[in-house]
C-alpha cells in the first residue's frame, strides 16, 4: 500500500458513511405494515424512503470495493467478501424496488376504487411481500457472510484493529443465527431495523478506519 492510495481509501470510507446515512434515513422513516388503503395513503413516503435505499446501493458498493482493495484485492478472502456483498446489494436493491416502488405505484392506480376492488388486490400484495421476503433473506445472508470474510481477513492481516475483526465475526454469526434460526424475521420492519443497526455500526467503524488510516 502506498501513500498515493490514501485519497482513494478515504473516499471509499466517506462513501460508506454516506451509505449508512441513507440507510438510516430509510430505517427511521420506513412505514410499518398497513392495509391496502394505508399503503396507498403512504405511497409517497414509501417511495421516498425506498428510493433513498436504492440510491445508497451503488454508493455503498464503491465504498466496499475500496475496503476490498485496502484489505488486498489479490487476496481470495477479500474478493469473496466483496462478491457476497455485491450479491447482497443487488438483492437489497431488488427488494426495495419491488416493495418500495413497484407496489405503491401499482396500488396508486386503485386509489379511488371501492373496497371490493381493493380487497381483490390482496393476492397481489401478498405475492409482492413473498418475493420481497426471498430477497430479504438473500441480502441478510450475503451481507453477513461478506462481513465474516472481511473480518477474518482483518484478523489475519492486522490492517485494522483486531477488535474490529472480532466484532465482525461475532456480528455475522449472530445475524445468521438470529434470522435463519427463526428468532427474528428479516422481512419484518423490526427485523430489518435490528439487522441494519448492527451491520451499519460495523460499517461505520470500518469507514472511519479507512478515512483516518495513514500509512
N, C-alpha and C. Protein backbone atom coordinates (compact mmCIF):
# COMPACT_ATOMS: atom_id res chain seq x y z
N UNK A 1 0.84 -1.18 0.00
CA UNK A 1 0.00 0.00 0.00
C UNK A 1 0.88 1.24 0.00
N UNK A 2 0.62 2.20 -0.84
CA UNK A 2 1.41 3.42 -0.93
C UNK A 2 0.56 4.60 -0.54
N UNK A 3 1.28 5.73 -0.28
CA UNK A 3 0.55 6.93 0.11
C UNK A 3 -0.38 7.42 -0.97
N UNK A 4 -0.04 7.11 -2.26
CA UNK A 4 -0.88 7.56 -3.36
C UNK A 4 -2.27 6.95 -3.31
N UNK A 5 -2.42 5.85 -2.56
CA UNK A 5 -3.73 5.20 -2.45
C UNK A 5 -4.62 5.83 -1.38
N UNK A 6 -4.04 6.65 -0.52
CA UNK A 6 -4.80 7.17 0.61
C UNK A 6 -6.05 7.96 0.22
N UNK A 7 -5.97 8.84 -0.80
CA UNK A 7 -7.21 9.54 -1.20
C UNK A 7 -8.32 8.59 -1.62
N UNK A 8 -7.94 7.48 -2.28
CA UNK A 8 -8.95 6.50 -2.70
C UNK A 8 -9.60 5.85 -1.49
N UNK A 9 -8.79 5.43 -0.52
CA UNK A 9 -9.33 4.77 0.67
C UNK A 9 -10.18 5.74 1.49
N UNK A 10 -9.74 6.99 1.56
CA UNK A 10 -10.52 7.99 2.28
C UNK A 10 -11.87 8.20 1.60
N UNK A 11 -11.86 8.28 0.27
CA UNK A 11 -13.12 8.44 -0.49
C UNK A 11 -14.02 7.23 -0.28
N UNK A 12 -13.42 6.03 -0.23
CA UNK A 12 -14.21 4.82 0.00
C UNK A 12 -14.86 4.86 1.37
N UNK A 13 -14.10 5.32 2.37
CA UNK A 13 -14.66 5.45 3.72
C UNK A 13 -15.81 6.43 3.76
N UNK A 14 -15.65 7.56 3.07
CA UNK A 14 -16.73 8.56 3.02
C UNK A 14 -17.95 7.99 2.32
N UNK A 15 -17.73 7.21 1.25
CA UNK A 15 -18.85 6.57 0.53
C UNK A 15 -19.62 5.64 1.46
N UNK A 16 -18.90 4.90 2.29
CA UNK A 16 -19.57 4.00 3.24
C UNK A 16 -20.35 4.78 4.29
N UNK A 17 -19.84 5.94 4.69
CA UNK A 17 -20.57 6.77 5.65
C UNK A 17 -21.84 7.33 5.03
N UNK A 18 -21.77 7.76 3.78
CA UNK A 18 -22.98 8.23 3.07
C UNK A 18 -23.97 7.09 2.93
N UNK A 19 -23.48 5.92 2.63
CA UNK A 19 -24.30 4.71 2.52
C UNK A 19 -25.09 4.47 3.81
N UNK A 20 -24.40 4.58 4.94
CA UNK A 20 -25.07 4.34 6.23
C UNK A 20 -26.10 5.43 6.53
N UNK A 21 -25.79 6.68 6.19
CA UNK A 21 -26.73 7.77 6.45
C UNK A 21 -28.03 7.55 5.66
N UNK A 22 -27.90 7.18 4.40
CA UNK A 22 -29.09 6.96 3.57
C UNK A 22 -29.91 5.77 4.08
N UNK A 23 -29.24 4.71 4.53
CA UNK A 23 -29.98 3.57 5.05
C UNK A 23 -30.61 3.88 6.41
N UNK A 24 -29.95 4.70 7.21
CA UNK A 24 -30.55 5.14 8.47
C UNK A 24 -31.81 5.96 8.21
N UNK A 25 -31.75 6.81 7.19
CA UNK A 25 -32.93 7.59 6.78
C UNK A 25 -34.07 6.65 6.43
N UNK A 26 -33.77 5.60 5.67
CA UNK A 26 -34.79 4.61 5.30
C UNK A 26 -35.33 3.90 6.53
N UNK A 27 -34.43 3.49 7.43
CA UNK A 27 -34.83 2.72 8.60
C UNK A 27 -35.74 3.54 9.52
N UNK A 28 -35.39 4.81 9.73
CA UNK A 28 -36.15 5.66 10.65
C UNK A 28 -37.54 5.98 10.11
N UNK A 29 -37.61 6.27 8.82
CA UNK A 29 -38.89 6.70 8.23
C UNK A 29 -39.67 5.57 7.57
N UNK A 30 -39.13 4.36 7.58
CA UNK A 30 -39.80 3.23 6.93
C UNK A 30 -41.14 2.98 7.60
N UNK A 31 -42.26 3.08 6.84
CA UNK A 31 -43.58 2.85 7.44
C UNK A 31 -43.76 1.41 7.90
N UNK A 32 -44.47 1.23 9.00
CA UNK A 32 -44.80 -0.11 9.47
C UNK A 32 -45.92 -0.67 8.61
N UNK A 33 -46.21 -1.96 8.77
CA UNK A 33 -47.23 -2.63 7.96
C UNK A 33 -48.58 -1.95 8.02
N UNK A 34 -49.31 -2.04 6.93
CA UNK A 34 -50.62 -1.39 6.85
C UNK A 34 -51.48 -2.16 5.85
N UNK A 35 -52.78 -1.81 5.82
CA UNK A 35 -53.67 -2.41 4.83
C UNK A 35 -53.51 -1.66 3.50
N UNK A 36 -54.25 -2.10 2.49
CA UNK A 36 -54.09 -1.51 1.16
C UNK A 36 -54.42 -0.02 1.14
N UNK A 37 -55.54 0.44 1.75
CA UNK A 37 -55.79 1.89 1.78
C UNK A 37 -54.66 2.64 2.46
N UNK A 38 -54.09 2.06 3.53
CA UNK A 38 -52.97 2.70 4.22
C UNK A 38 -51.73 2.77 3.35
N UNK A 39 -51.46 1.71 2.60
CA UNK A 39 -50.32 1.70 1.69
C UNK A 39 -50.48 2.76 0.60
N UNK A 40 -51.72 2.94 0.13
CA UNK A 40 -51.97 3.96 -0.89
C UNK A 40 -51.74 5.35 -0.31
N UNK A 41 -52.23 5.58 0.91
CA UNK A 41 -52.05 6.89 1.55
C UNK A 41 -50.58 7.20 1.80
N UNK A 42 -49.81 6.18 2.15
CA UNK A 42 -48.39 6.39 2.48
C UNK A 42 -47.47 6.15 1.29
N UNK A 43 -48.03 6.04 0.10
CA UNK A 43 -47.22 5.64 -1.06
C UNK A 43 -46.06 6.61 -1.32
N UNK A 44 -46.30 7.90 -1.15
CA UNK A 44 -45.22 8.88 -1.39
C UNK A 44 -44.06 8.66 -0.42
N UNK A 45 -44.37 8.46 0.86
CA UNK A 45 -43.33 8.22 1.86
C UNK A 45 -42.62 6.89 1.61
N UNK A 46 -43.38 5.89 1.22
CA UNK A 46 -42.80 4.58 0.94
C UNK A 46 -41.80 4.68 -0.21
N UNK A 47 -42.18 5.38 -1.27
CA UNK A 47 -41.30 5.54 -2.43
C UNK A 47 -40.07 6.36 -2.05
N UNK A 48 -40.25 7.41 -1.26
CA UNK A 48 -39.13 8.26 -0.84
C UNK A 48 -38.10 7.47 -0.04
N UNK A 49 -38.58 6.73 0.96
CA UNK A 49 -37.65 6.01 1.82
C UNK A 49 -36.93 4.89 1.06
N UNK A 50 -37.66 4.16 0.25
CA UNK A 50 -37.02 3.09 -0.51
C UNK A 50 -36.15 3.64 -1.64
N UNK A 51 -36.52 4.81 -2.16
CA UNK A 51 -35.68 5.45 -3.17
C UNK A 51 -34.32 5.81 -2.59
N UNK A 52 -34.32 6.27 -1.33
CA UNK A 52 -33.06 6.59 -0.66
C UNK A 52 -32.21 5.33 -0.49
N UNK A 53 -32.86 4.22 -0.17
CA UNK A 53 -32.14 2.95 0.00
C UNK A 53 -31.54 2.50 -1.33
N UNK A 54 -32.31 2.62 -2.41
CA UNK A 54 -31.80 2.24 -3.73
C UNK A 54 -30.61 3.13 -4.12
N UNK A 55 -30.72 4.43 -3.84
CA UNK A 55 -29.62 5.36 -4.12
C UNK A 55 -28.37 4.98 -3.35
N UNK A 56 -28.56 4.48 -2.13
CA UNK A 56 -27.42 4.13 -1.28
C UNK A 56 -26.60 2.97 -1.84
N UNK A 57 -27.24 2.09 -2.61
CA UNK A 57 -26.58 0.85 -3.01
C UNK A 57 -25.32 1.06 -3.86
N UNK A 58 -25.37 1.81 -4.98
CA UNK A 58 -24.13 1.99 -5.74
C UNK A 58 -23.06 2.77 -4.98
N UNK A 59 -23.50 3.68 -4.10
CA UNK A 59 -22.54 4.42 -3.28
C UNK A 59 -21.84 3.46 -2.32
N UNK A 60 -22.63 2.60 -1.67
CA UNK A 60 -22.05 1.61 -0.78
C UNK A 60 -21.17 0.63 -1.52
N UNK A 61 -21.58 0.23 -2.71
CA UNK A 61 -20.81 -0.73 -3.49
C UNK A 61 -19.41 -0.20 -3.78
N UNK A 62 -19.31 1.08 -4.14
CA UNK A 62 -18.00 1.67 -4.40
C UNK A 62 -17.16 1.72 -3.13
N UNK A 63 -17.80 2.00 -2.00
CA UNK A 63 -17.09 2.01 -0.73
C UNK A 63 -16.59 0.62 -0.35
N UNK A 64 -17.41 -0.39 -0.60
CA UNK A 64 -17.00 -1.76 -0.29
C UNK A 64 -15.85 -2.21 -1.20
N UNK A 65 -15.83 -1.73 -2.42
CA UNK A 65 -14.70 -2.05 -3.30
C UNK A 65 -13.42 -1.42 -2.74
N UNK A 66 -13.53 -0.21 -2.17
CA UNK A 66 -12.38 0.40 -1.53
C UNK A 66 -11.87 -0.42 -0.37
N UNK A 67 -12.80 -0.96 0.44
CA UNK A 67 -12.42 -1.82 1.55
C UNK A 67 -11.74 -3.09 1.03
N UNK A 68 -12.27 -3.62 -0.06
CA UNK A 68 -11.69 -4.82 -0.67
C UNK A 68 -10.25 -4.56 -1.12
N UNK A 69 -10.03 -3.44 -1.75
CA UNK A 69 -8.68 -3.08 -2.19
C UNK A 69 -7.76 -2.87 -1.00
N UNK A 70 -8.30 -2.25 0.03
CA UNK A 70 -7.47 -1.97 1.21
C UNK A 70 -7.00 -3.26 1.88
N UNK A 71 -7.91 -4.22 1.99
CA UNK A 71 -7.56 -5.50 2.62
C UNK A 71 -6.75 -6.39 1.68
N UNK A 72 -6.78 -6.04 0.38
CA UNK A 72 -5.99 -6.79 -0.59
C UNK A 72 -6.84 -7.42 -1.66
N UNK A 73 -6.96 -6.77 -2.81
CA UNK A 73 -7.77 -7.32 -3.89
C UNK A 73 -7.11 -8.55 -4.52
N UNK A 74 -5.85 -8.83 -4.11
CA UNK A 74 -5.18 -10.05 -4.57
C UNK A 74 -5.38 -11.21 -3.59
N UNK A 75 -6.13 -10.94 -2.51
CA UNK A 75 -6.42 -11.98 -1.53
C UNK A 75 -7.81 -12.57 -1.80
N UNK A 76 -7.90 -13.88 -1.85
CA UNK A 76 -9.16 -14.54 -2.20
C UNK A 76 -10.27 -14.18 -1.22
N UNK A 77 -9.95 -14.17 0.08
CA UNK A 77 -10.97 -13.90 1.09
C UNK A 77 -11.56 -12.50 0.94
N UNK A 78 -10.72 -11.55 0.53
CA UNK A 78 -11.19 -10.18 0.33
C UNK A 78 -12.16 -10.11 -0.85
N UNK A 79 -11.78 -10.76 -1.95
CA UNK A 79 -12.64 -10.76 -3.14
C UNK A 79 -13.92 -11.55 -2.87
N UNK A 80 -13.82 -12.64 -2.11
CA UNK A 80 -15.01 -13.42 -1.77
C UNK A 80 -15.99 -12.58 -0.95
N UNK A 81 -15.47 -11.83 0.00
CA UNK A 81 -16.32 -10.94 0.78
C UNK A 81 -17.02 -9.93 -0.11
N UNK A 82 -16.28 -9.36 -1.06
CA UNK A 82 -16.86 -8.38 -1.98
C UNK A 82 -17.92 -9.03 -2.86
N UNK A 83 -17.69 -10.28 -3.26
CA UNK A 83 -18.67 -10.99 -4.10
C UNK A 83 -19.99 -11.17 -3.35
N UNK A 84 -19.90 -11.60 -2.08
CA UNK A 84 -21.12 -11.78 -1.30
C UNK A 84 -21.83 -10.45 -1.07
N UNK A 85 -21.06 -9.40 -0.76
CA UNK A 85 -21.66 -8.08 -0.55
C UNK A 85 -22.34 -7.59 -1.83
N UNK A 86 -21.73 -7.85 -2.97
CA UNK A 86 -22.31 -7.43 -4.25
C UNK A 86 -23.66 -8.11 -4.49
N UNK A 87 -23.72 -9.42 -4.20
CA UNK A 87 -24.99 -10.13 -4.31
C UNK A 87 -26.01 -9.54 -3.34
N UNK A 88 -25.56 -9.21 -2.12
CA UNK A 88 -26.45 -8.62 -1.13
C UNK A 88 -26.98 -7.28 -1.58
N UNK A 89 -26.13 -6.46 -2.19
CA UNK A 89 -26.56 -5.15 -2.68
C UNK A 89 -27.59 -5.28 -3.79
N UNK A 90 -27.36 -6.22 -4.70
CA UNK A 90 -28.33 -6.45 -5.78
C UNK A 90 -29.67 -6.90 -5.20
N UNK A 91 -29.63 -7.83 -4.25
CA UNK A 91 -30.87 -8.33 -3.64
C UNK A 91 -31.59 -7.21 -2.87
N UNK A 92 -30.82 -6.38 -2.15
CA UNK A 92 -31.43 -5.28 -1.40
C UNK A 92 -32.07 -4.27 -2.34
N UNK A 93 -31.41 -4.01 -3.47
CA UNK A 93 -31.96 -3.07 -4.44
C UNK A 93 -33.26 -3.61 -5.05
N UNK A 94 -33.28 -4.91 -5.34
CA UNK A 94 -34.49 -5.51 -5.89
C UNK A 94 -35.62 -5.52 -4.86
N UNK A 95 -35.27 -5.83 -3.60
CA UNK A 95 -36.29 -5.83 -2.54
C UNK A 95 -36.89 -4.45 -2.38
N UNK A 96 -36.02 -3.43 -2.33
CA UNK A 96 -36.50 -2.06 -2.15
C UNK A 96 -37.32 -1.59 -3.34
N UNK A 97 -36.94 -2.02 -4.52
CA UNK A 97 -37.66 -1.59 -5.73
C UNK A 97 -39.04 -2.23 -5.82
N UNK A 98 -39.11 -3.52 -5.52
CA UNK A 98 -40.39 -4.23 -5.65
C UNK A 98 -41.41 -3.74 -4.63
N UNK A 99 -41.04 -3.75 -3.36
CA UNK A 99 -41.99 -3.37 -2.32
C UNK A 99 -42.07 -1.87 -2.11
N UNK A 100 -41.00 -1.16 -2.45
CA UNK A 100 -40.95 0.26 -2.15
C UNK A 100 -41.26 1.18 -3.30
N UNK A 101 -41.24 0.65 -4.52
CA UNK A 101 -41.53 1.50 -5.69
C UNK A 101 -42.63 0.87 -6.56
N UNK A 102 -42.41 -0.37 -6.98
CA UNK A 102 -43.37 -1.01 -7.88
C UNK A 102 -44.74 -1.17 -7.22
N UNK A 103 -44.78 -1.73 -6.00
CA UNK A 103 -46.07 -1.96 -5.34
C UNK A 103 -46.84 -0.68 -5.08
N UNK A 104 -46.24 0.36 -4.47
CA UNK A 104 -47.01 1.59 -4.23
C UNK A 104 -47.47 2.27 -5.52
N UNK A 105 -46.64 2.23 -6.55
CA UNK A 105 -47.07 2.82 -7.83
C UNK A 105 -48.24 2.05 -8.42
N UNK A 106 -48.20 0.73 -8.29
CA UNK A 106 -49.30 -0.11 -8.77
C UNK A 106 -50.58 0.19 -8.00
N UNK A 107 -50.49 0.27 -6.67
CA UNK A 107 -51.67 0.50 -5.84
C UNK A 107 -52.25 1.89 -6.03
N UNK A 108 -51.41 2.87 -6.35
CA UNK A 108 -51.90 4.23 -6.59
C UNK A 108 -52.98 4.27 -7.67
N UNK A 109 -52.85 3.37 -8.63
CA UNK A 109 -53.84 3.34 -9.72
C UNK A 109 -55.22 2.93 -9.26
N UNK A 110 -55.33 2.43 -8.02
CA UNK A 110 -56.62 1.99 -7.47
C UNK A 110 -57.05 2.86 -6.29
N UNK A 111 -56.51 4.07 -6.21
CA UNK A 111 -56.77 4.95 -5.07
C UNK A 111 -58.26 5.25 -4.90
N UNK A 112 -58.99 5.37 -5.99
CA UNK A 112 -60.41 5.72 -5.91
C UNK A 112 -61.33 4.52 -6.09
N UNK A 113 -60.77 3.34 -5.98
CA UNK A 113 -61.58 2.14 -6.19
C UNK A 113 -62.36 1.78 -4.93
N UNK A 114 -63.50 1.11 -5.08
CA UNK A 114 -64.28 0.67 -3.92
C UNK A 114 -63.56 -0.44 -3.15
N UNK A 115 -64.02 -0.69 -1.94
CA UNK A 115 -63.39 -1.70 -1.07
C UNK A 115 -63.36 -3.08 -1.71
N UNK A 116 -64.41 -3.39 -2.48
CA UNK A 116 -64.46 -4.72 -3.11
C UNK A 116 -63.28 -4.90 -4.06
N UNK A 117 -62.96 -3.88 -4.81
CA UNK A 117 -61.82 -3.95 -5.75
C UNK A 117 -60.51 -4.01 -4.98
N UNK A 118 -60.40 -3.18 -3.93
CA UNK A 118 -59.17 -3.16 -3.13
C UNK A 118 -58.91 -4.52 -2.48
N UNK A 119 -59.97 -5.14 -2.00
CA UNK A 119 -59.82 -6.46 -1.38
C UNK A 119 -59.35 -7.51 -2.39
N UNK A 120 -59.74 -7.32 -3.64
CA UNK A 120 -59.34 -8.28 -4.68
C UNK A 120 -57.85 -8.18 -4.99
N UNK A 121 -57.20 -7.10 -4.52
CA UNK A 121 -55.77 -6.91 -4.77
C UNK A 121 -54.89 -7.59 -3.72
N UNK A 122 -55.50 -8.16 -2.70
CA UNK A 122 -54.73 -8.78 -1.63
C UNK A 122 -53.75 -9.85 -2.14
N UNK A 123 -54.15 -10.71 -3.07
CA UNK A 123 -53.18 -11.70 -3.57
C UNK A 123 -51.95 -11.05 -4.21
N UNK A 124 -52.16 -9.91 -4.88
CA UNK A 124 -51.03 -9.20 -5.50
C UNK A 124 -50.08 -8.69 -4.42
N UNK A 125 -50.65 -8.13 -3.35
CA UNK A 125 -49.83 -7.60 -2.25
C UNK A 125 -49.08 -8.74 -1.56
N UNK A 126 -49.77 -9.85 -1.33
CA UNK A 126 -49.11 -11.00 -0.68
C UNK A 126 -47.99 -11.55 -1.54
N UNK A 127 -48.21 -11.59 -2.85
CA UNK A 127 -47.17 -12.07 -3.76
C UNK A 127 -45.95 -11.14 -3.72
N UNK A 128 -46.23 -9.83 -3.72
CA UNK A 128 -45.14 -8.85 -3.66
C UNK A 128 -44.33 -9.03 -2.38
N UNK A 129 -45.02 -9.23 -1.26
CA UNK A 129 -44.33 -9.43 0.02
C UNK A 129 -43.53 -10.72 0.02
N UNK A 130 -44.05 -11.76 -0.65
CA UNK A 130 -43.34 -13.03 -0.70
C UNK A 130 -42.05 -12.92 -1.51
N UNK A 131 -42.13 -12.23 -2.64
CA UNK A 131 -40.93 -12.00 -3.45
C UNK A 131 -39.91 -11.18 -2.67
N UNK A 132 -40.43 -10.15 -1.99
CA UNK A 132 -39.57 -9.29 -1.17
C UNK A 132 -38.89 -10.09 -0.07
N UNK A 133 -39.64 -11.03 0.54
CA UNK A 133 -39.09 -11.85 1.62
C UNK A 133 -37.90 -12.66 1.13
N UNK A 134 -38.01 -13.20 -0.08
CA UNK A 134 -36.91 -14.00 -0.63
C UNK A 134 -35.65 -13.15 -0.77
N UNK A 135 -35.80 -11.95 -1.30
CA UNK A 135 -34.65 -11.05 -1.45
C UNK A 135 -34.12 -10.61 -0.09
N UNK A 136 -35.01 -10.45 0.89
CA UNK A 136 -34.58 -10.07 2.24
C UNK A 136 -33.63 -11.10 2.82
N UNK A 137 -33.97 -12.37 2.67
CA UNK A 137 -33.12 -13.42 3.21
C UNK A 137 -31.81 -13.53 2.43
N UNK A 138 -31.86 -13.25 1.14
CA UNK A 138 -30.63 -13.28 0.33
C UNK A 138 -29.67 -12.20 0.80
N UNK A 139 -30.16 -10.95 0.94
CA UNK A 139 -29.21 -9.90 1.32
C UNK A 139 -28.80 -10.02 2.79
N UNK A 140 -29.65 -10.56 3.64
CA UNK A 140 -29.26 -10.78 5.03
C UNK A 140 -28.10 -11.77 5.10
N UNK A 141 -28.25 -12.90 4.42
CA UNK A 141 -27.19 -13.90 4.41
C UNK A 141 -25.93 -13.42 3.71
N UNK A 142 -26.11 -12.73 2.56
CA UNK A 142 -24.96 -12.28 1.79
C UNK A 142 -24.14 -11.24 2.55
N UNK A 143 -24.80 -10.28 3.17
CA UNK A 143 -24.08 -9.26 3.93
C UNK A 143 -23.37 -9.91 5.12
N UNK A 144 -24.03 -10.84 5.77
CA UNK A 144 -23.43 -11.49 6.93
C UNK A 144 -22.16 -12.25 6.54
N UNK A 145 -22.23 -13.03 5.45
CA UNK A 145 -21.07 -13.80 5.01
C UNK A 145 -19.97 -12.87 4.52
N UNK A 146 -20.35 -11.80 3.81
CA UNK A 146 -19.35 -10.85 3.33
C UNK A 146 -18.58 -10.21 4.47
N UNK A 147 -19.30 -9.78 5.50
CA UNK A 147 -18.66 -9.19 6.67
C UNK A 147 -17.79 -10.22 7.38
N UNK A 148 -18.26 -11.45 7.42
CA UNK A 148 -17.48 -12.52 8.04
C UNK A 148 -16.14 -12.71 7.32
N UNK A 149 -16.16 -12.73 5.99
CA UNK A 149 -14.93 -12.89 5.21
C UNK A 149 -13.95 -11.76 5.50
N UNK A 150 -14.44 -10.52 5.46
CA UNK A 150 -13.55 -9.38 5.70
C UNK A 150 -13.04 -9.37 7.13
N UNK A 151 -13.87 -9.77 8.07
CA UNK A 151 -13.46 -9.76 9.48
C UNK A 151 -12.35 -10.77 9.73
N UNK A 152 -12.48 -11.94 9.14
CA UNK A 152 -11.43 -12.96 9.26
C UNK A 152 -10.13 -12.42 8.66
N UNK A 153 -10.25 -11.74 7.53
CA UNK A 153 -9.06 -11.19 6.87
C UNK A 153 -8.44 -10.06 7.70
N UNK A 154 -9.26 -9.26 8.35
CA UNK A 154 -8.74 -8.21 9.24
C UNK A 154 -7.90 -8.83 10.34
N UNK A 155 -8.38 -9.94 10.89
CA UNK A 155 -7.63 -10.63 11.94
C UNK A 155 -6.33 -11.23 11.40
N UNK A 156 -6.37 -11.68 10.16
CA UNK A 156 -5.18 -12.29 9.56
C UNK A 156 -4.13 -11.25 9.18
N UNK A 157 -4.57 -10.15 8.57
CA UNK A 157 -3.63 -9.16 8.04
C UNK A 157 -3.25 -8.09 9.05
N UNK A 158 -4.12 -7.90 10.07
CA UNK A 158 -3.90 -6.86 11.08
C UNK A 158 -3.84 -5.46 10.45
N UNK A 159 -4.55 -5.28 9.34
CA UNK A 159 -4.58 -3.96 8.71
C UNK A 159 -5.53 -3.01 9.43
N UNK A 160 -6.38 -3.56 10.28
CA UNK A 160 -7.22 -2.77 11.18
C UNK A 160 -7.09 -3.39 12.56
N UNK A 161 -7.60 -2.69 13.56
CA UNK A 161 -7.50 -3.20 14.92
C UNK A 161 -8.24 -4.53 15.04
N UNK A 162 -7.68 -5.44 15.82
CA UNK A 162 -8.21 -6.80 15.93
C UNK A 162 -9.65 -6.82 16.41
N UNK A 163 -10.03 -5.88 17.29
CA UNK A 163 -11.38 -5.91 17.83
C UNK A 163 -12.43 -5.68 16.76
N UNK A 164 -12.04 -4.97 15.68
CA UNK A 164 -12.98 -4.75 14.57
C UNK A 164 -13.28 -6.09 13.88
N UNK A 165 -12.23 -6.90 13.69
CA UNK A 165 -12.42 -8.21 13.09
C UNK A 165 -13.23 -9.14 13.98
N UNK A 166 -12.93 -9.10 15.29
CA UNK A 166 -13.66 -9.95 16.24
C UNK A 166 -15.13 -9.56 16.26
N UNK A 167 -15.39 -8.25 16.30
CA UNK A 167 -16.78 -7.76 16.31
C UNK A 167 -17.51 -8.18 15.05
N UNK A 168 -16.82 -8.14 13.91
CA UNK A 168 -17.45 -8.54 12.65
C UNK A 168 -17.79 -10.01 12.61
N UNK A 169 -16.89 -10.84 13.13
CA UNK A 169 -17.15 -12.28 13.17
C UNK A 169 -18.36 -12.58 14.05
N UNK A 170 -18.38 -11.98 15.24
CA UNK A 170 -19.50 -12.21 16.16
C UNK A 170 -20.80 -11.69 15.56
N UNK A 171 -20.74 -10.53 14.93
CA UNK A 171 -21.94 -9.94 14.31
C UNK A 171 -22.48 -10.86 13.23
N UNK A 172 -21.60 -11.32 12.35
CA UNK A 172 -22.04 -12.15 11.22
C UNK A 172 -22.66 -13.45 11.71
N UNK A 173 -22.00 -14.11 12.65
CA UNK A 173 -22.52 -15.37 13.18
C UNK A 173 -23.86 -15.15 13.88
N UNK A 174 -23.96 -14.05 14.65
CA UNK A 174 -25.21 -13.75 15.36
C UNK A 174 -26.35 -13.48 14.39
N UNK A 175 -26.08 -12.72 13.34
CA UNK A 175 -27.13 -12.38 12.38
C UNK A 175 -27.64 -13.63 11.64
N UNK A 176 -26.71 -14.49 11.27
CA UNK A 176 -27.11 -15.74 10.60
C UNK A 176 -27.97 -16.59 11.54
N UNK A 177 -27.56 -16.68 12.79
CA UNK A 177 -28.30 -17.48 13.77
C UNK A 177 -29.67 -16.89 14.05
N UNK A 178 -29.73 -15.56 14.21
CA UNK A 178 -30.98 -14.89 14.56
C UNK A 178 -32.02 -15.03 13.46
N UNK A 179 -31.62 -14.72 12.22
CA UNK A 179 -32.60 -14.68 11.14
C UNK A 179 -32.91 -16.06 10.55
N UNK A 180 -31.90 -16.88 10.37
CA UNK A 180 -32.14 -18.18 9.77
C UNK A 180 -32.52 -19.22 10.82
N UNK A 181 -32.36 -18.85 12.10
CA UNK A 181 -32.81 -19.72 13.17
C UNK A 181 -34.24 -19.43 13.59
N UNK A 182 -34.85 -18.41 12.96
CA UNK A 182 -36.24 -18.09 13.23
C UNK A 182 -36.47 -17.21 14.45
N UNK A 183 -35.38 -16.70 15.06
CA UNK A 183 -35.54 -15.84 16.23
C UNK A 183 -36.17 -14.51 15.83
N UNK A 184 -35.79 -14.01 14.68
CA UNK A 184 -36.37 -12.78 14.14
C UNK A 184 -36.57 -13.00 12.65
N UNK A 185 -37.36 -12.13 12.05
CA UNK A 185 -37.67 -12.27 10.63
C UNK A 185 -37.10 -11.09 9.85
N UNK A 186 -36.32 -11.40 8.81
CA UNK A 186 -35.69 -10.36 8.03
C UNK A 186 -36.68 -9.54 7.21
N UNK A 187 -37.88 -10.08 7.00
CA UNK A 187 -38.85 -9.37 6.18
C UNK A 187 -39.79 -8.49 7.00
N UNK A 188 -39.64 -8.47 8.33
CA UNK A 188 -40.44 -7.59 9.17
C UNK A 188 -39.67 -6.30 9.44
N UNK A 189 -40.41 -5.21 9.70
CA UNK A 189 -39.75 -3.92 9.93
C UNK A 189 -38.80 -4.01 11.11
N UNK A 190 -39.21 -4.67 12.21
CA UNK A 190 -38.33 -4.78 13.38
C UNK A 190 -37.09 -5.60 13.05
N UNK A 191 -37.27 -6.69 12.32
CA UNK A 191 -36.12 -7.49 11.91
C UNK A 191 -35.17 -6.70 11.03
N UNK A 192 -35.75 -5.90 10.12
CA UNK A 192 -34.94 -5.05 9.25
C UNK A 192 -34.15 -4.06 10.07
N UNK A 193 -34.77 -3.47 11.08
CA UNK A 193 -34.09 -2.47 11.90
C UNK A 193 -32.98 -3.09 12.74
N UNK A 194 -33.21 -4.29 13.26
CA UNK A 194 -32.17 -4.98 14.02
C UNK A 194 -30.96 -5.25 13.12
N UNK A 195 -31.25 -5.80 11.94
CA UNK A 195 -30.17 -6.12 11.01
C UNK A 195 -29.40 -4.88 10.60
N UNK A 196 -30.11 -3.84 10.18
CA UNK A 196 -29.45 -2.63 9.72
C UNK A 196 -28.64 -1.98 10.83
N UNK A 197 -29.17 -1.97 12.04
CA UNK A 197 -28.47 -1.31 13.14
C UNK A 197 -27.11 -1.94 13.39
N UNK A 198 -27.08 -3.25 13.56
CA UNK A 198 -25.81 -3.91 13.89
C UNK A 198 -24.84 -3.88 12.70
N UNK A 199 -25.36 -4.05 11.50
CA UNK A 199 -24.49 -4.02 10.32
C UNK A 199 -23.94 -2.62 10.08
N UNK A 200 -24.79 -1.61 10.22
CA UNK A 200 -24.35 -0.25 9.96
C UNK A 200 -23.34 0.23 10.99
N UNK A 201 -23.47 -0.23 12.23
CA UNK A 201 -22.47 0.14 13.25
C UNK A 201 -21.10 -0.38 12.83
N UNK A 202 -21.04 -1.63 12.38
CA UNK A 202 -19.76 -2.20 11.93
C UNK A 202 -19.23 -1.46 10.71
N UNK A 203 -20.11 -1.14 9.77
CA UNK A 203 -19.69 -0.43 8.56
C UNK A 203 -19.15 0.95 8.90
N UNK A 204 -19.79 1.65 9.83
CA UNK A 204 -19.32 2.98 10.24
C UNK A 204 -17.92 2.87 10.85
N UNK A 205 -17.71 1.88 11.69
CA UNK A 205 -16.40 1.69 12.31
C UNK A 205 -15.33 1.45 11.25
N UNK A 206 -15.62 0.60 10.28
CA UNK A 206 -14.68 0.32 9.19
C UNK A 206 -14.47 1.57 8.34
N UNK A 207 -15.55 2.29 8.06
CA UNK A 207 -15.44 3.50 7.25
C UNK A 207 -14.53 4.53 7.92
N UNK A 208 -14.70 4.73 9.22
CA UNK A 208 -13.86 5.68 9.94
C UNK A 208 -12.39 5.22 9.95
N UNK A 209 -12.19 3.92 10.01
CA UNK A 209 -10.82 3.40 9.96
C UNK A 209 -10.17 3.70 8.61
N UNK A 210 -10.96 3.61 7.53
CA UNK A 210 -10.44 3.92 6.21
C UNK A 210 -10.15 5.40 6.07
N UNK A 211 -11.04 6.23 6.58
CA UNK A 211 -10.88 7.68 6.46
C UNK A 211 -9.65 8.16 7.23
N UNK A 212 -9.45 7.59 8.42
CA UNK A 212 -8.38 8.06 9.30
C UNK A 212 -7.04 7.36 9.08
N UNK A 213 -7.06 6.28 8.28
CA UNK A 213 -5.84 5.49 8.12
C UNK A 213 -4.75 6.31 7.45
N UNK A 214 -3.55 6.26 8.02
CA UNK A 214 -2.40 6.97 7.47
C UNK A 214 -1.21 6.03 7.44
N UNK A 215 -0.93 5.56 6.27
CA UNK A 215 0.23 4.68 6.11
C UNK A 215 0.98 5.08 4.86
